[in-house]
C-alpha atoms as a PDB file:
ATOM      1  CA  MET A   1      -7.147  17.163 -17.032  1.00  0.00           C
ATOM      2  CA  PRO A   2      -6.041  16.551 -13.453  1.00  0.00           C
ATOM      3  CA  HIS A   3      -8.639  17.139 -10.799  1.00  0.00           C
ATOM      4  CA  ASP A   4      -8.275  20.342  -8.774  1.00  0.00           C
ATOM      5  CA  LEU A   5      -7.851  18.219  -5.644  1.00  0.00           C
ATOM      6  CA  PHE A   6      -4.494  16.920  -6.866  1.00  0.00           C
ATOM      7  CA  GLY A   7      -3.218  19.373  -9.483  1.00  0.00           C
ATOM      8  CA  THR A   8      -1.396  16.569 -11.304  1.00  0.00           C
ATOM      9  CA  PRO A   9      -2.324  13.213 -12.851  1.00  0.00           C
ATOM     10  CA  VAL A  10       0.689  11.505 -11.219  1.00  0.00           C
ATOM     11  CA  ILE A  11       0.474  10.410  -7.584  1.00  0.00           C
ATOM     12  CA  ALA A  12       3.168   8.396  -5.844  1.00  0.00           C
ATOM     13  CA  ALA A  13       1.575   5.714  -3.702  1.00  0.00           C
ATOM     14  CA  PRO A  14       2.180   5.626   0.043  1.00  0.00           C
ATOM     15  CA  MET A  15       4.548   2.687   0.471  1.00  0.00           C
ATOM     16  CA  ALA A  16       4.863   1.794   4.141  1.00  0.00           C
ATOM     17  CA  GLY A  17       7.885   0.140   5.669  1.00  0.00           C
ATOM     18  CA  GLY A  18      10.401   2.813   4.751  1.00  0.00           C
ATOM     19  CA  THR A  19       9.951   3.253   0.988  1.00  0.00           C
ATOM     20  CA  SER A  20       7.967   6.513   0.955  1.00  0.00           C
ATOM     21  CA  THR A  21      10.414   8.716   2.817  1.00  0.00           C
ATOM     22  CA  ALA A  22      10.117  12.484   3.110  1.00  0.00           C
ATOM     23  CA  ALA A  23      12.968  12.854   0.610  1.00  0.00           C
ATOM     24  CA  PHE A  24      11.152  10.589  -1.850  1.00  0.00           C
ATOM     25  CA  VAL A  25       7.870  12.515  -1.543  1.00  0.00           C
ATOM     26  CA  GLU A  26       9.685  15.828  -1.943  1.00  0.00           C
ATOM     27  CA  ALA A  27      11.393  14.539  -5.096  1.00  0.00           C
ATOM     28  CA  VAL A  28       8.031  13.530  -6.544  1.00  0.00           C
ATOM     29  CA  HIS A  29       6.689  17.016  -5.838  1.00  0.00           C
ATOM     30  CA  ARG A  30       9.700  18.739  -7.408  1.00  0.00           C
ATOM     31  CA  ALA A  31       9.233  16.658 -10.560  1.00  0.00           C
ATOM     32  CA  GLY A  32       5.563  17.593 -10.975  1.00  0.00           C
ATOM     33  CA  GLY A  33       3.780  14.797  -9.155  1.00  0.00           C
ATOM     34  CA  LEU A  34       2.153  14.435  -5.753  1.00  0.00           C
ATOM     35  CA  GLY A  35       3.444  12.032  -3.122  1.00  0.00           C
ATOM     36  CA  PHE A  36       1.865  10.463  -0.050  1.00  0.00           C
ATOM     37  CA  LEU A  37       3.698   9.677   3.147  1.00  0.00           C
ATOM     38  CA  ALA A  38       2.844   6.376   4.832  1.00  0.00           C
ATOM     39  CA  ALA A  39       1.943   6.417   8.522  1.00  0.00           C
ATOM     40  CA  GLY A  40       1.794   2.610   8.626  1.00  0.00           C
ATOM     41  CA  TYR A  41       4.280   0.902  10.981  1.00  0.00           C
ATOM     42  CA  LYS A  42       5.399   4.294  12.338  1.00  0.00           C
ATOM     43  CA  SER A  43       4.884   5.850  15.744  1.00  0.00           C
ATOM     44  CA  VAL A  44       2.846   9.027  16.011  1.00  0.00           C
ATOM     45  CA  ALA A  45       6.061  10.929  16.718  1.00  0.00           C
ATOM     46  CA  ALA A  46       7.746   9.534  13.596  1.00  0.00           C
ATOM     47  CA  MET A  47       4.722  10.456  11.486  1.00  0.00           C
ATOM     48  CA  GLN A  48       4.757  13.989  12.850  1.00  0.00           C
ATOM     49  CA  ALA A  49       8.489  14.325  12.211  1.00  0.00           C
ATOM     50  CA  GLU A  50       8.035  13.437   8.532  1.00  0.00           C
ATOM     51  CA  ILE A  51       5.188  15.928   8.233  1.00  0.00           C
ATOM     52  CA  SER A  52       7.397  18.621   9.732  1.00  0.00           C
ATOM     53  CA  THR A  53      10.262  17.788   7.369  1.00  0.00           C
ATOM     54  CA  LEU A  54       8.056  18.038   4.295  1.00  0.00           C
ATOM     55  CA  ARG A  55       6.424  21.252   5.451  1.00  0.00           C
ATOM     56  CA  GLU A  56       9.860  22.829   5.772  1.00  0.00           C
ATOM     57  CA  SER A  57      10.632  21.743   2.201  1.00  0.00           C
ATOM     58  CA  GLY A  58       7.523  23.432   0.831  1.00  0.00           C
ATOM     59  CA  ALA A  59       6.378  20.271  -0.946  1.00  0.00           C
ATOM     60  CA  ARG A  60       2.728  19.300  -1.305  1.00  0.00           C
ATOM     61  CA  PHE A  61       1.945  15.894   0.135  1.00  0.00           C
ATOM     62  CA  GLY A  62      -0.689  13.631   1.593  1.00  0.00           C
ATOM     63  CA  MET A  63      -0.664  11.169   4.494  1.00  0.00           C
ATOM     64  CA  ASN A  64      -1.929   7.599   4.351  1.00  0.00           C
ATOM     65  CA  VAL A  65      -3.223   5.801   7.453  1.00  0.00           C
ATOM     66  CA  PHE A  66      -3.992   2.105   7.972  1.00  0.00           C
ATOM     67  CA  VAL A  67      -7.445   1.368   9.393  1.00  0.00           C
ATOM     68  CA  PRO A  68      -7.274  -1.383  12.046  1.00  0.00           C
ATOM     69  CA  ASP A  69      -9.563  -4.387  11.774  1.00  0.00           C
ATOM     70  CA  PRO A  70     -11.540  -4.848  15.014  1.00  0.00           C
ATOM     71  CA  ALA A  71     -11.998  -8.531  14.175  1.00  0.00           C
ATOM     72  CA  GLN A  72      -8.234  -9.020  14.523  1.00  0.00           C
ATOM     73  CA  LEU A  73      -7.877  -7.163  17.841  1.00  0.00           C
ATOM     74  CA  PRO A  74      -7.740  -9.702  19.342  1.00  0.00           C
ATOM     75  CA  PRO A  75      -8.256 -12.550  16.848  1.00  0.00           C
ATOM     76  CA  SER A  76     -10.756 -15.303  17.489  1.00  0.00           C
ATOM     77  CA  ALA A  77      -9.814 -18.530  19.242  1.00  0.00           C
ATOM     78  CA  ALA A  78      -9.842 -20.342  15.898  1.00  0.00           C
ATOM     79  CA  MET A  79      -7.517 -17.766  14.351  1.00  0.00           C
ATOM     80  CA  LEU A  80      -5.270 -17.899  17.397  1.00  0.00           C
ATOM     81  CA  ALA A  81      -4.876 -21.637  16.835  1.00  0.00           C
ATOM     82  CA  GLU A  82      -3.956 -21.000  13.184  1.00  0.00           C
ATOM     83  CA  LEU A  83      -1.381 -18.443  14.274  1.00  0.00           C
ATOM     84  CA  GLU A  84       0.213 -20.861  16.709  1.00  0.00           C
ATOM     85  CA  GLU A  85       0.408 -23.455  13.954  1.00  0.00           C
ATOM     86  CA  TYR A  86       1.983 -20.930  11.584  1.00  0.00           C
ATOM     87  CA  ARG A  87       4.509 -20.009  14.253  1.00  0.00           C
ATOM     88  CA  LEU A  88       5.558 -23.665  14.366  1.00  0.00           C
ATOM     89  CA  GLN A  89       5.910 -23.748  10.578  1.00  0.00           C
ATOM     90  CA  LEU A  90       8.149 -20.679  10.650  1.00  0.00           C
ATOM     91  CA  ARG A  91      10.704 -22.321  12.959  1.00  0.00           C
ATOM     92  CA  THR A  92      12.544 -23.766   9.970  1.00  0.00           C
ATOM     93  CA  ASP A  93      12.936 -20.281   8.475  1.00  0.00           C
ATOM     94  CA  ALA A  94      14.058 -18.858  11.818  1.00  0.00           C
ATOM     95  CA  ARG A  95      16.665 -21.595  12.306  1.00  0.00           C
ATOM     96  CA  ARG A  96      18.101 -20.808   8.886  1.00  0.00           C
ATOM     97  CA  TYR A  97      19.295 -17.457  10.258  1.00  0.00           C
ATOM     98  CA  GLY A  98      19.663 -18.336  13.930  1.00  0.00           C
ATOM     99  CA  VAL A  99      16.901 -15.969  15.061  1.00  0.00           C
ATOM    100  CA  GLU A 100      14.156 -16.373  17.640  1.00  0.00           C
ATOM    101  CA  LEU A 101      10.504 -16.011  16.742  1.00  0.00           C
ATOM    102  CA  PRO A 102       8.622 -13.532  18.943  1.00  0.00           C
ATOM    103  CA  GLN A 103       5.580 -14.357  20.977  1.00  0.00           C
ATOM    104  CA  LEU A 104       2.335 -13.518  19.228  1.00  0.00           C
ATOM    105  CA  ARG A 105       1.405  -9.842  19.313  1.00  0.00           C
ATOM    106  CA  LEU A 106      -2.354  -9.467  19.151  1.00  0.00           C
ATOM    107  CA  ASP A 107      -3.077  -5.881  20.177  1.00  0.00           C
ATOM    108  CA  ASP A 108      -1.398  -3.693  17.551  1.00  0.00           C
ATOM    109  CA  ASP A 109      -3.799  -1.089  16.104  1.00  0.00           C
ATOM    110  CA  ASP A 110      -0.912   0.923  14.593  1.00  0.00           C
ATOM    111  CA  GLU A 111      -1.574   3.758  17.075  1.00  0.00           C
ATOM    112  CA  TRP A 112      -4.798   4.508  15.230  1.00  0.00           C
ATOM    113  CA  GLN A 113      -6.362   7.012  17.601  1.00  0.00           C
ATOM    114  CA  GLY A 114      -3.085   8.782  18.239  1.00  0.00           C
ATOM    115  CA  LYS A 115      -2.544   9.300  14.522  1.00  0.00           C
ATOM    116  CA  ILE A 116      -6.074  10.584  13.969  1.00  0.00           C
ATOM    117  CA  ASP A 117      -5.718  12.968  16.912  1.00  0.00           C
ATOM    118  CA  ALA A 118      -2.400  14.233  15.530  1.00  0.00           C
ATOM    119  CA  LEU A 119      -3.885  14.815  12.081  1.00  0.00           C
ATOM    120  CA  LEU A 120      -6.801  16.705  13.617  1.00  0.00           C
ATOM    121  CA  SER A 121      -4.594  18.940  15.732  1.00  0.00           C
ATOM    122  CA  ASP A 122      -2.100  19.597  12.929  1.00  0.00           C
ATOM    123  CA  PRO A 123      -3.977  18.968   9.649  1.00  0.00           C
ATOM    124  CA  VAL A 124      -2.402  18.033   6.348  1.00  0.00           C
ATOM    125  CA  GLU A 125      -3.900  18.768   2.944  1.00  0.00           C
ATOM    126  CA  LEU A 126      -4.834  15.199   2.012  1.00  0.00           C
ATOM    127  CA  VAL A 127      -5.476  12.127   4.157  1.00  0.00           C
ATOM    128  CA  SER A 128      -6.048   8.713   2.608  1.00  0.00           C
ATOM    129  CA  PHE A 129      -7.051   5.470   4.276  1.00  0.00           C
ATOM    130  CA  ALA A 130      -6.373   1.826   3.448  1.00  0.00           C
ATOM    131  CA  PHE A 131      -7.525  -1.552   4.805  1.00  0.00           C
ATOM    132  CA  GLY A 132     -10.954  -0.188   5.723  1.00  0.00           C
ATOM    133  CA  LEU A 133     -13.024   2.923   6.260  1.00  0.00           C
ATOM    134  CA  PRO A 134     -12.344   5.377   9.091  1.00  0.00           C
ATOM    135  CA  GLY A 135     -15.999   6.011   9.912  1.00  0.00           C
ATOM    136  CA  PRO A 136     -18.127   9.057   9.051  1.00  0.00           C
ATOM    137  CA  ASP A 137     -17.258  10.854  12.285  1.00  0.00           C
ATOM    138  CA  VAL A 138     -13.541  10.715  11.491  1.00  0.00           C
ATOM    139  CA  VAL A 139     -14.171  11.772   7.895  1.00  0.00           C
ATOM    140  CA  ARG A 140     -16.201  14.798   8.976  1.00  0.00           C
ATOM    141  CA  ALA A 141     -13.714  15.761  11.675  1.00  0.00           C
ATOM    142  CA  LEU A 142     -10.801  15.700   9.240  1.00  0.00           C
ATOM    143  CA  GLN A 143     -12.757  17.712   6.694  1.00  0.00           C
ATOM    144  CA  ARG A 144     -13.676  20.304   9.319  1.00  0.00           C
ATOM    145  CA  ALA A 145      -9.972  20.519  10.169  1.00  0.00           C
ATOM    146  CA  GLY A 146      -9.231  21.317   6.518  1.00  0.00           C
ATOM    147  CA  SER A 147      -8.163  17.955   5.062  1.00  0.00           C
ATOM    148  CA  ALA A 148      -9.582  16.292   1.972  1.00  0.00           C
ATOM    149  CA  VAL A 149     -10.266  12.612   2.677  1.00  0.00           C
ATOM    150  CA  LEU A 150      -9.651   9.687   0.331  1.00  0.00           C
ATOM    151  CA  ALA A 151     -10.622   6.055   0.840  1.00  0.00           C
ATOM    152  CA  THR A 152      -8.953   3.140  -0.940  1.00  0.00           C
ATOM    153  CA  VAL A 153     -11.373   0.617  -2.446  1.00  0.00           C
ATOM    154  CA  THR A 154     -11.068  -2.494  -4.584  1.00  0.00           C
ATOM    155  CA  THR A 155     -14.660  -3.095  -5.714  1.00  0.00           C
ATOM    156  CA  ALA A 156     -17.799  -1.145  -6.546  1.00  0.00           C
ATOM    157  CA  ALA A 157     -19.399  -2.416  -3.327  1.00  0.00           C
ATOM    158  CA  GLU A 158     -16.551  -0.970  -1.269  1.00  0.00           C
ATOM    159  CA  ALA A 159     -16.820   2.281  -3.234  1.00  0.00           C
ATOM    160  CA  VAL A 160     -20.502   2.621  -2.338  1.00  0.00           C
ATOM    161  CA  GLN A 161     -19.728   2.157   1.357  1.00  0.00           C
ATOM    162  CA  ALA A 162     -16.914   4.708   1.190  1.00  0.00           C
ATOM    163  CA  ALA A 163     -19.077   7.252  -0.607  1.00  0.00           C
ATOM    164  CA  GLY A 164     -21.679   6.792   2.108  1.00  0.00           C
ATOM    165  CA  GLN A 165     -19.151   8.005   4.684  1.00  0.00           C
ATOM    166  CA  GLY A 166     -18.740  11.296   2.823  1.00  0.00           C
ATOM    167  CA  VAL A 167     -15.169  10.986   1.535  1.00  0.00           C
ATOM    168  CA  ASP A 168     -13.936  13.450  -1.083  1.00  0.00           C
ATOM    169  CA  ALA A 169     -12.371  10.968  -3.519  1.00  0.00           C
ATOM    170  CA  LEU A 170     -11.540   7.301  -3.984  1.00  0.00           C
ATOM    171  CA  VAL A 171      -8.348   5.445  -4.792  1.00  0.00           C
ATOM    172  CA  VAL A 172      -9.508   2.482  -6.883  1.00  0.00           C
ATOM    173  CA  GLN A 173      -6.969  -0.296  -6.432  1.00  0.00           C
ATOM    174  CA  HIS A 174      -6.882  -3.154  -8.922  1.00  0.00           C
ATOM    175  CA  THR A 175      -5.539  -6.563  -7.987  1.00  0.00           C
ATOM    176  CA  SER A 176      -2.494  -5.980 -10.233  1.00  0.00           C
ATOM    177  CA  ALA A 177      -1.122  -3.457  -7.712  1.00  0.00           C
ATOM    178  CA  GLY A 178       1.986  -4.348  -5.770  1.00  0.00           C
ATOM    179  CA  GLY A 179       2.063  -4.574  -2.000  1.00  0.00           C
ATOM    180  CA  HIS A 180      -0.951  -4.916   0.241  1.00  0.00           C
ATOM    181  CA  SER A 181      -4.476  -5.164  -1.061  1.00  0.00           C
ATOM    182  CA  ALA A 182      -6.710  -2.523   0.491  1.00  0.00           C
ATOM    183  CA  ALA A 183      -9.751  -4.810   0.293  1.00  0.00           C
ATOM    184  CA  PHE A 184     -12.026  -4.690   3.335  1.00  0.00           C
ATOM    185  CA  LEU A 185     -15.117  -6.551   2.110  1.00  0.00           C
ATOM    186  CA  PRO A 186     -14.969 -10.271   1.316  1.00  0.00           C
ATOM    187  CA  ALA A 187     -14.802 -11.368  -2.300  1.00  0.00           C
ATOM    188  CA  PRO A 188     -18.171 -12.537  -3.694  1.00  0.00           C
ATOM    189  CA  GLU A 189     -17.150 -16.193  -3.619  1.00  0.00           C
ATOM    190  CA  PRO A 190     -14.631 -18.411  -1.807  1.00  0.00           C
ATOM    191  CA  ARG A 191     -11.246 -17.975  -3.454  1.00  0.00           C
ATOM    192  CA  PRO A 192      -7.765 -19.298  -2.651  1.00  0.00           C
ATOM    193  CA  ALA A 193      -5.305 -16.865  -1.054  1.00  0.00           C
ATOM    194  CA  TYR A 194      -3.356 -16.387  -4.284  1.00  0.00           C
ATOM    195  CA  ALA A 195      -6.345 -15.764  -6.578  1.00  0.00           C
ATOM    196  CA  ALA A 196      -7.131 -12.365  -8.021  1.00  0.00           C
ATOM    197  CA  ARG A 197     -10.278 -10.551  -6.969  1.00  0.00           C
ATOM    198  CA  PRO A 198     -12.763  -9.920  -9.786  1.00  0.00           C
ATOM    199  CA  GLY A 199     -12.357  -6.763 -11.817  1.00  0.00           C
ATOM    200  CA  GLY A 200     -10.722  -7.457 -15.213  1.00  0.00           C
ATOM    201  CA  THR A 201      -8.325  -4.630 -16.026  1.00  0.00           C
ATOM    202  CA  THR A 202      -7.777  -1.495 -13.998  1.00  0.00           C
ATOM    203  CA  ALA A 203      -9.771   0.447 -16.589  1.00  0.00           C
ATOM    204  CA  GLN A 204     -12.665  -2.024 -16.345  1.00  0.00           C
ATOM    205  CA  LEU A 205     -12.662  -1.797 -12.551  1.00  0.00           C
ATOM    206  CA  LEU A 206     -12.770   1.999 -12.849  1.00  0.00           C
ATOM    207  CA  ALA A 207     -15.777   1.771 -15.143  1.00  0.00           C
ATOM    208  CA  GLY A 208     -17.611  -0.382 -12.617  1.00  0.00           C
ATOM    209  CA  VAL A 209     -16.850   1.994  -9.778  1.00  0.00           C
ATOM    210  CA  ARG A 210     -17.822   5.032 -11.886  1.00  0.00           C
ATOM    211  CA  SER A 211     -21.225   3.479 -12.500  1.00  0.00           C
ATOM    212  CA  ALA A 212     -21.728   3.086  -8.747  1.00  0.00           C
ATOM    213  CA  VAL A 213     -20.507   6.409  -7.298  1.00  0.00           C
ATOM    214  CA  ASP A 214     -20.051  10.026  -8.334  1.00  0.00           C
ATOM    215  CA  LEU A 215     -16.670  10.904  -6.871  1.00  0.00           C
ATOM    216  CA  PRO A 216     -13.219  11.723  -8.305  1.00  0.00           C
ATOM    217  CA  LEU A 217     -11.379   8.445  -8.886  1.00  0.00           C
ATOM    218  CA  VAL A 218      -7.653   7.737  -8.692  1.00  0.00           C
ATOM    219  CA  ALA A 219      -6.586   4.578 -10.505  1.00  0.00           C
ATOM    220  CA  ALA A 220      -4.056   2.215  -8.935  1.00  0.00           C
ATOM    221  CA  GLY A 221      -2.657  -1.073 -10.193  1.00  0.00           C
ATOM    222  CA  GLY A 222      -0.414  -2.029 -13.108  1.00  0.00           C
ATOM    223  CA  ILE A 223       0.293   1.539 -14.244  1.00  0.00           C
ATOM    224  CA  MET A 224       3.962   1.844 -15.181  1.00  0.00           C
ATOM    225  CA  ASP A 225       4.289   4.331 -18.038  1.00  0.00           C
ATOM    226  CA  ALA A 226       2.589   7.117 -20.015  1.00  0.00           C
ATOM    227  CA  ALA A 227       0.506   4.623 -21.998  1.00  0.00           C
ATOM    228  CA  GLY A 228      -0.849   3.112 -18.797  1.00  0.00           C
ATOM    229  CA  LEU A 229      -1.583   6.555 -17.414  1.00  0.00           C
ATOM    230  CA  ASP A 230      -3.411   7.549 -20.603  1.00  0.00           C
ATOM    231  CA  ALA A 231      -5.507   4.376 -20.448  1.00  0.00           C
ATOM    232  CA  VAL A 232      -6.860   5.030 -16.961  1.00  0.00           C
ATOM    233  CA  LEU A 233      -7.425   8.728 -17.636  1.00  0.00           C
ATOM    234  CA  ARG A 234      -9.478   7.782 -20.687  1.00  0.00           C
ATOM    235  CA  ALA A 235     -11.416   5.362 -18.475  1.00  0.00           C
ATOM    236  CA  GLY A 236     -12.451   8.199 -16.177  1.00  0.00           C
ATOM    237  CA  ALA A 237      -9.705   8.498 -13.573  1.00  0.00           C
ATOM    238  CA  VAL A 238      -8.577  12.007 -12.634  1.00  0.00           C
ATOM    239  CA  ALA A 239      -5.118  10.725 -11.674  1.00  0.00           C
ATOM    240  CA  ALA A 240      -3.111   7.526 -11.328  1.00  0.00           C
ATOM    241  CA  GLN A 241      -1.397   6.299  -8.173  1.00  0.00           C
ATOM    242  CA  LEU A 242       1.832   4.427  -8.881  1.00  0.00           C
ATOM    243  CA  GLY A 243       4.040   2.481  -6.508  1.00  0.00           C
ATOM    244  CA  THR A 244       6.038  -0.216  -8.285  1.00  0.00           C
ATOM    245  CA  ALA A 245       7.123   2.251 -10.988  1.00  0.00           C
ATOM    246  CA  PHE A 246       8.997   4.209  -8.300  1.00  0.00           C
ATOM    247  CA  LEU A 247      10.480   1.362  -6.248  1.00  0.00           C
ATOM    248  CA  ARG A 248      13.879   1.233  -7.967  1.00  0.00           C
ATOM    249  CA  THR A 249      14.421   4.994  -8.100  1.00  0.00           C
ATOM    250  CA  ASP A 250      17.336   6.669  -6.378  1.00  0.00           C
ATOM    251  CA  GLN A 251      15.144   8.433  -3.803  1.00  0.00           C
ATOM    252  CA  SER A 252      13.035   5.373  -2.987  1.00  0.00           C
ATOM    253  CA  GLY A 253      13.670   4.119   0.527  1.00  0.00           C
ATOM    254  CA  ALA A 254      13.197   0.491  -0.538  1.00  0.00           C
ATOM    255  CA  LYS A 255      15.945  -1.919   0.503  1.00  0.00           C
ATOM    256  CA  GLN A 256      18.670  -2.344  -2.108  1.00  0.00           C
ATOM    257  CA  LEU A 257      18.022  -6.087  -2.016  1.00  0.00           C
ATOM    258  CA  HIS A 258      14.434  -5.376  -3.029  1.00  0.00           C
ATOM    259  CA  LYS A 259      15.483  -2.980  -5.801  1.00  0.00           C
ATOM    260  CA  ASP A 260      17.952  -5.503  -7.185  1.00  0.00           C
ATOM    261  CA  ALA A 261      15.380  -8.315  -7.126  1.00  0.00           C
ATOM    262  CA  LEU A 262      13.043  -6.293  -9.316  1.00  0.00           C
ATOM    263  CA  ALA A 263      15.705  -6.370 -12.039  1.00  0.00           C
ATOM    264  CA  ASP A 264      16.764  -9.987 -11.451  1.00  0.00           C
ATOM    265  CA  PRO A 265      15.631 -12.392 -14.219  1.00  0.00           C
ATOM    266  CA  HIS A 266      15.528 -15.130 -11.585  1.00  0.00           C
ATOM    267  CA  PHE A 267      12.114 -13.813 -10.539  1.00  0.00           C
ATOM    268  CA  ILE A 268       9.561 -14.492 -13.253  1.00  0.00           C
ATOM    269  CA  ARG A 269       6.150 -13.796 -11.714  1.00  0.00           C
ATOM    270  CA  THR A 270       4.270 -12.047  -8.943  1.00  0.00           C
ATOM    271  CA  ARG A 271       1.749 -13.643  -6.647  1.00  0.00           C
ATOM    272  CA  LEU A 272      -0.748 -12.601  -4.013  1.00  0.00           C
ATOM    273  CA  THR A 273       0.363 -13.926  -0.641  1.00  0.00           C
ATOM    274  CA  ARG A 274      -0.432 -13.666   3.072  1.00  0.00           C
ATOM    275  CA  ALA A 275       2.858 -15.312   4.044  1.00  0.00           C
ATOM    276  CA  PHE A 276       4.646 -12.180   5.243  1.00  0.00           C
ATOM    277  CA  THR A 277       1.960 -10.149   7.008  1.00  0.00           C
ATOM    278  CA  GLY A 278      -1.311 -12.061   7.184  1.00  0.00           C
ATOM    279  CA  ARG A 279      -2.938  -9.720   4.655  1.00  0.00           C
ATOM    280  CA  GLN A 280      -2.987 -10.390   0.936  1.00  0.00           C
ATOM    281  CA  ALA A 281      -0.185  -8.560  -0.836  1.00  0.00           C
ATOM    282  CA  ARG A 282       1.350  -8.912  -4.275  1.00  0.00           C
ATOM    283  CA  ALA A 283       5.031  -9.803  -4.281  1.00  0.00           C
ATOM    284  CA  LEU A 284       7.633 -11.397  -6.494  1.00  0.00           C
ATOM    285  CA  GLU A 285       7.227 -15.126  -6.051  1.00  0.00           C
ATOM    286  CA  ASN A 286      10.166 -16.405  -4.042  1.00  0.00           C
ATOM    287  CA  GLU A 287      10.784 -19.465  -1.862  1.00  0.00           C
ATOM    288  CA  PHE A 288       9.056 -18.016   1.189  1.00  0.00           C
ATOM    289  CA  VAL A 289       5.900 -17.299  -0.821  1.00  0.00           C
ATOM    290  CA  ARG A 290       5.877 -20.821  -2.230  1.00  0.00           C
ATOM    291  CA  ASP A 291       6.635 -22.450   1.115  1.00  0.00           C
ATOM    292  CA  HIS A 292       3.809 -20.676   2.950  1.00  0.00           C
ATOM    293  CA  ALA A 293       0.933 -20.593   0.488  1.00  0.00           C
ATOM    294  CA  GLU A 294      -1.594 -21.319   3.257  1.00  0.00           C
ATOM    295  CA  ALA A 295      -0.562 -18.613   5.716  1.00  0.00           C
ATOM    296  CA  PRO A 296      -3.427 -17.449   7.950  1.00  0.00           C
ATOM    297  CA  GLU A 297      -5.400 -14.284   7.339  1.00  0.00           C
ATOM    298  CA  ALA A 298      -4.289 -12.475  10.487  1.00  0.00           C
ATOM    299  CA  TYR A 299      -2.898  -8.984  10.045  1.00  0.00           C
ATOM    300  CA  PRO A 300      -0.829  -7.559  11.687  1.00  0.00           C
ATOM    301  CA  ALA A 301      -0.076 -10.556  13.917  1.00  0.00           C
ATOM    302  CA  VAL A 302       1.700 -12.390  11.071  1.00  0.00           C
ATOM    303  CA  HIS A 303       3.613  -9.213  10.212  1.00  0.00           C
ATOM    304  CA  HIS A 304       5.136  -9.170  13.701  1.00  0.00           C
ATOM    305  CA  LEU A 305       5.736 -12.926  13.643  1.00  0.00           C
ATOM    306  CA  THR A 306       7.799 -12.851  10.445  1.00  0.00           C
ATOM    307  CA  ALA A 307       9.644  -9.587  11.202  1.00  0.00           C
ATOM    308  CA  PRO A 308      12.842 -11.261  12.545  1.00  0.00           C
ATOM    309  CA  ILE A 309      13.007 -13.549   9.520  1.00  0.00           C
ATOM    310  CA  ARG A 310      12.644 -10.661   7.096  1.00  0.00           C
ATOM    311  CA  ALA A 311      15.262  -8.619   8.949  1.00  0.00           C
ATOM    312  CA  ALA A 312      17.692 -11.546   8.971  1.00  0.00           C
ATOM    313  CA  ALA A 313      17.088 -12.228   5.271  1.00  0.00           C
ATOM    314  CA  THR A 314      17.912  -8.604   4.504  1.00  0.00           C
ATOM    315  CA  ALA A 315      21.106  -8.766   6.541  1.00  0.00           C
ATOM    316  CA  ALA A 316      22.099 -11.998   4.782  1.00  0.00           C
ATOM    317  CA  GLY A 317      21.297 -10.640   1.318  1.00  0.00           C
ATOM    318  CA  ASP A 318      18.772 -13.447   0.852  1.00  0.00           C
ATOM    319  CA  ALA A 319      15.966 -12.316  -1.438  1.00  0.00           C
ATOM    320  CA  GLU A 320      14.244 -15.694  -1.126  1.00  0.00           C
ATOM    321  CA  ARG A 321      12.946 -14.888   2.367  1.00  0.00           C
ATOM    322  CA  LEU A 322      12.159 -11.186   1.935  1.00  0.00           C
ATOM    323  CA  ASN A 323       8.822  -9.554   1.107  1.00  0.00           C
ATOM    324  CA  LEU A 324       9.559  -8.301  -2.403  1.00  0.00           C
ATOM    325  CA  TRP A 325       6.405  -6.269  -3.016  1.00  0.00           C
ATOM    326  CA  ALA A 326       5.797  -5.751  -6.728  1.00  0.00           C
ATOM    327  CA  GLY A 327       2.904  -5.114  -9.079  1.00  0.00           C
ATOM    328  CA  THR A 328       2.367  -7.107 -12.245  1.00  0.00           C
ATOM    329  CA  GLY A 329       4.249  -4.503 -14.313  1.00  0.00           C
ATOM    330  CA  TRP A 330       7.435  -4.771 -12.218  1.00  0.00           C
ATOM    331  CA  GLN A 331       9.660  -5.490 -15.228  1.00  0.00           C
ATOM    332  CA  LYS A 332       9.088  -1.916 -16.436  1.00  0.00           C
ATOM    333  CA  ALA A 333      10.460  -0.408 -13.219  1.00  0.00           C
ATOM    334  CA  HIS A 334      13.738   1.415 -13.820  1.00  0.00           C
ATOM    335  CA  ALA A 335      16.587   2.662 -11.688  1.00  0.00           C
ATOM    336  CA  GLY A 336      17.443   6.343 -11.746  1.00  0.00           C
ATOM    337  CA  PRO A 337      16.046   9.594 -10.393  1.00  0.00           C
ATOM    338  CA  VAL A 338      12.391   9.987  -9.436  1.00  0.00           C
ATOM    339  CA  ALA A 339      12.230  12.930 -11.829  1.00  0.00           C
ATOM    340  CA  ALA A 340      12.878  10.662 -14.817  1.00  0.00           C
ATOM    341  CA  VAL A 341       9.852   8.525 -13.938  1.00  0.00           C
ATOM    342  CA  VAL A 342       7.552  11.497 -13.384  1.00  0.00           C
ATOM    343  CA  HIS A 343       8.736  13.322 -16.497  1.00  0.00           C
ATOM    344  CA  GLY A 344       8.244  10.189 -18.569  1.00  0.00           C
ATOM    345  CA  LEU A 345       4.683   9.888 -17.316  1.00  0.00           C
ATOM    346  CA  LEU A 346       3.947  13.544 -18.001  1.00  0.00           C
ATOM    347  CA  ALA A 347       5.678  13.703 -21.378  1.00  0.00           C
ATOM    348  CA  GLY A 348       3.527  15.540 -23.925  1.00  0.00           C
ATOM    349  CA  ARG A 349       1.083  16.891 -21.358  1.00  0.00           C
END
């Protein structure tokens, strides 16, 4: 049974960078699911415009916000040196397309306070956070304004910290998920950038989190079909959050180059990488991922540094230099309407 907070077991993940458009989220709602807008990489005004558009449509929705990392604003002297070195390494990629690399941008907090202020003055039903915790004062303020608050966690330890801030529910993200990892605590042991965090399967990670906290849990990572949804519901999730399963759909705002790559047999595996943004994210393994396996852990500075390369790769139709976010189940992603994906997930319910 879906939890009352969501009203459905199918949640479309907030996919920043243009994928989770208002039209996409509305389509998910019309089909019987619940979609989240992504405030990441948007101005406050752009976030508010999407909220207004969805309100006019009558669709239910949530809003996801990135939590800035104070340690990266600005980065340490040692990290700054790593960034300068990475900038030198990227010159070959930039020359390929005849683009200039920008100077390092070290002060981007994604308009954090402005977005929180906007969500307090004009509340939405659900607010989720990724890349960290917003702090108990923000959680309480949003709840007083009428929003339910979700935190995204990747381990039981993170879940305990999130529960301590008073959130209403948790999104439990397994390492098999596509796109950025929401992890905000270090892994228990030194691990290479491409290695998976501990946790076994998504169901096993859920079990570990359930033993640590008493909150509604939303499962995320590797869920592509009704069987995957059933597995996490049996493991104690009240809903599943899917991203990769929706990437190729008609209403998805993902680049066509990205959609096509997901169906291209040339790509045979996914890999966790910091090469594109400075934060671990799972993507189809392409040349850029292989060439920059030791990219520094410096988000969002690396994101801004590689932006011209990614834009030029898109314009050139070159999937080997684009961030092709994808979860481990990417081969089950299908083209077609959003409704077909949602209905397939809900079949027999």
